[in-house]
């Protein structure tokens, strides 16, 4: 599967919308990030939103205290083994 990186810097316009469904096709949720569109079912985009929030929380925790973050990560890996 190809890897695609979308870097969000804060200046890109974010535009949520929907693609109205028909009897044969469900309604898709759409998020436009500049000229790029992410689409999927409502539940798929909610799962993506949850992952985005978790990633943002991890980045903030690391920036606040990199040493403590690394120690927690190492401790979690040690308990998983």
C-alpha atoms as a PDB file:
ATOM      1  CA  UNK A   1       0.000   0.000   0.000  1.00  0.00           C
ATOM      2  CA  UNK A   2       1.469   3.385  -0.924  1.00  0.00           C
ATOM      3  CA  UNK A   3       2.277   5.827   1.815  1.00  0.00           C
ATOM      4  CA  UNK A   4       0.884   9.349   1.620  1.00  0.00           C
ATOM      5  CA  UNK A   5       1.912  12.120   3.984  1.00  0.00           C
ATOM      6  CA  UNK A   6      -0.296  15.178   4.381  1.00  0.00           C
ATOM      7  CA  UNK A   7       1.419  17.911   6.371  1.00  0.00           C
ATOM      8  CA  UNK A   8      -0.984  20.300   8.062  1.00  0.00           C
ATOM      9  CA  UNK A   9       0.564  23.630   8.958  1.00  0.00           C
ATOM     10  CA  UNK A  10      -2.439  25.622  10.094  1.00  0.00           C
ATOM     11  CA  UNK A  11      -3.003  27.669   6.946  1.00  0.00           C
ATOM     12  CA  UNK A  12      -4.874  25.021   4.992  1.00  0.00           C
ATOM     13  CA  UNK A  13      -8.595  25.546   4.777  1.00  0.00           C
ATOM     14  CA  UNK A  14     -10.558  22.707   6.389  1.00  0.00           C
ATOM     15  CA  UNK A  15     -14.030  22.189   4.975  1.00  0.00           C
ATOM     16  CA  UNK A  16     -16.323  19.406   6.262  1.00  0.00           C
ATOM     17  CA  UNK A  17     -19.220  18.351   4.038  1.00  0.00           C
ATOM     18  CA  UNK A  18     -21.104  15.265   2.845  1.00  0.00           C
ATOM     19  CA  UNK A  19     -21.707  13.433  -0.379  1.00  0.00           C
ATOM     20  CA  UNK A  20     -25.414  12.659  -0.320  1.00  0.00           C
ATOM     21  CA  UNK A  21     -26.187   9.007  -0.728  1.00  0.00           C
ATOM     22  CA  UNK A  22     -28.706   7.295  -2.943  1.00  0.00           C
ATOM     23  CA  UNK A  23     -30.721   4.125  -2.587  1.00  0.00           C
ATOM     24  CA  UNK A  24     -27.665   2.165  -3.748  1.00  0.00           C
ATOM     25  CA  UNK A  25     -24.830   4.211  -2.212  1.00  0.00           C
ATOM     26  CA  UNK A  26     -24.509   5.424   1.384  1.00  0.00           C
ATOM     27  CA  UNK A  27     -23.814   9.023   2.362  1.00  0.00           C
ATOM     28  CA  UNK A  28     -20.078   9.705   2.710  1.00  0.00           C
ATOM     29  CA  UNK A  29     -18.530  12.207   5.074  1.00  0.00           C
ATOM     30  CA  UNK A  30     -15.948  14.428   3.386  1.00  0.00           C
ATOM     31  CA  UNK A  31     -13.216  16.657   4.775  1.00  0.00           C
ATOM     32  CA  UNK A  32     -11.399  18.907   2.352  1.00  0.00           C
ATOM     33  CA  UNK A  33      -7.910  19.948   3.426  1.00  0.00           C
ATOM     34  CA  UNK A  34      -6.991  22.535   0.851  1.00  0.00           C
ATOM     35  CA  UNK A  35      -7.289  20.655  -2.458  1.00  0.00           C
ATOM     36  CA  UNK A  36      -7.084  17.195  -0.816  1.00  0.00           C
ATOM     37  CA  UNK A  37     -10.247  15.317   0.117  1.00  0.00           C
ATOM     38  CA  UNK A  38     -10.591  12.594   2.751  1.00  0.00           C
ATOM     39  CA  UNK A  39     -13.853  10.673   2.424  1.00  0.00           C
ATOM     40  CA  UNK A  40     -15.495   7.706   4.062  1.00  0.00           C
ATOM     41  CA  UNK A  41     -18.385   6.585   6.161  1.00  0.00           C
ATOM     42  CA  UNK A  42     -19.246   8.553   9.266  1.00  0.00           C
ATOM     43  CA  UNK A  43     -17.854   5.802  11.497  1.00  0.00           C
ATOM     44  CA  UNK A  44     -14.600   5.643   9.516  1.00  0.00           C
ATOM     45  CA  UNK A  45     -14.057   9.394   9.806  1.00  0.00           C
ATOM     46  CA  UNK A  46     -14.859   9.266  13.539  1.00  0.00           C
ATOM     47  CA  UNK A  47     -12.200   6.563  13.940  1.00  0.00           C
ATOM     48  CA  UNK A  48      -9.748   8.768  12.033  1.00  0.00           C
ATOM     49  CA  UNK A  49     -10.663  11.733  14.247  1.00  0.00           C
ATOM     50  CA  UNK A  50     -10.016   9.642  17.374  1.00  0.00           C
ATOM     51  CA  UNK A  51      -6.590   8.632  16.035  1.00  0.00           C
ATOM     52  CA  UNK A  52      -5.786  12.262  15.184  1.00  0.00           C
ATOM     53  CA  UNK A  53      -6.672  13.390  18.712  1.00  0.00           C
ATOM     54  CA  UNK A  54      -4.522  10.619  20.200  1.00  0.00           C
ATOM     55  CA  UNK A  55      -1.568  11.548  17.975  1.00  0.00           C
ATOM     56  CA  UNK A  56      -1.915  15.228  18.912  1.00  0.00           C
ATOM     57  CA  UNK A  57      -1.996  14.308  22.614  1.00  0.00           C
ATOM     58  CA  UNK A  58       1.172  12.211  22.201  1.00  0.00           C
ATOM     59  CA  UNK A  59       2.958  15.064  20.412  1.00  0.00           C
ATOM     60  CA  UNK A  60       1.980  17.543  23.139  1.00  0.00           C
ATOM     61  CA  UNK A  61       3.085  15.140  25.894  1.00  0.00           C
ATOM     62  CA  UNK A  62       6.452  14.648  24.194  1.00  0.00           C
ATOM     63  CA  UNK A  63       6.983  18.382  23.665  1.00  0.00           C
ATOM     64  CA  UNK A  64       6.109  19.092  27.309  1.00  0.00           C
ATOM     65  CA  UNK A  65       8.662  16.598  28.702  1.00  0.00           C
ATOM     66  CA  UNK A  66      10.596  14.398  26.238  1.00  0.00           C
ATOM     67  CA  UNK A  67      12.467  12.466  28.962  1.00  0.00           C
ATOM     68  CA  UNK A  68       9.314  11.556  30.875  1.00  0.00           C
ATOM     69  CA  UNK A  69       7.586  10.590  27.634  1.00  0.00           C
ATOM     70  CA  UNK A  70      10.465   8.290  26.640  1.00  0.00           C
ATOM     71  CA  UNK A  71      10.535   6.695  30.097  1.00  0.00           C
ATOM     72  CA  UNK A  72       6.783   5.965  29.905  1.00  0.00           C
ATOM     73  CA  UNK A  73       7.182   4.491  26.423  1.00  0.00           C
ATOM     74  CA  UNK A  74      10.055   2.258  27.564  1.00  0.00           C
ATOM     75  CA  UNK A  75       8.084   1.126  30.630  1.00  0.00           C
ATOM     76  CA  UNK A  76       5.057   0.278  28.456  1.00  0.00           C
ATOM     77  CA  UNK A  77       7.238  -1.745  26.058  1.00  0.00           C
ATOM     78  CA  UNK A  78       8.803  -3.607  28.974  1.00  0.00           C
ATOM     79  CA  UNK A  79       5.386  -4.616  30.357  1.00  0.00           C
ATOM     80  CA  UNK A  80       4.237  -5.754  26.897  1.00  0.00           C
ATOM     81  CA  UNK A  81       7.129  -8.221  26.615  1.00  0.00           C
END
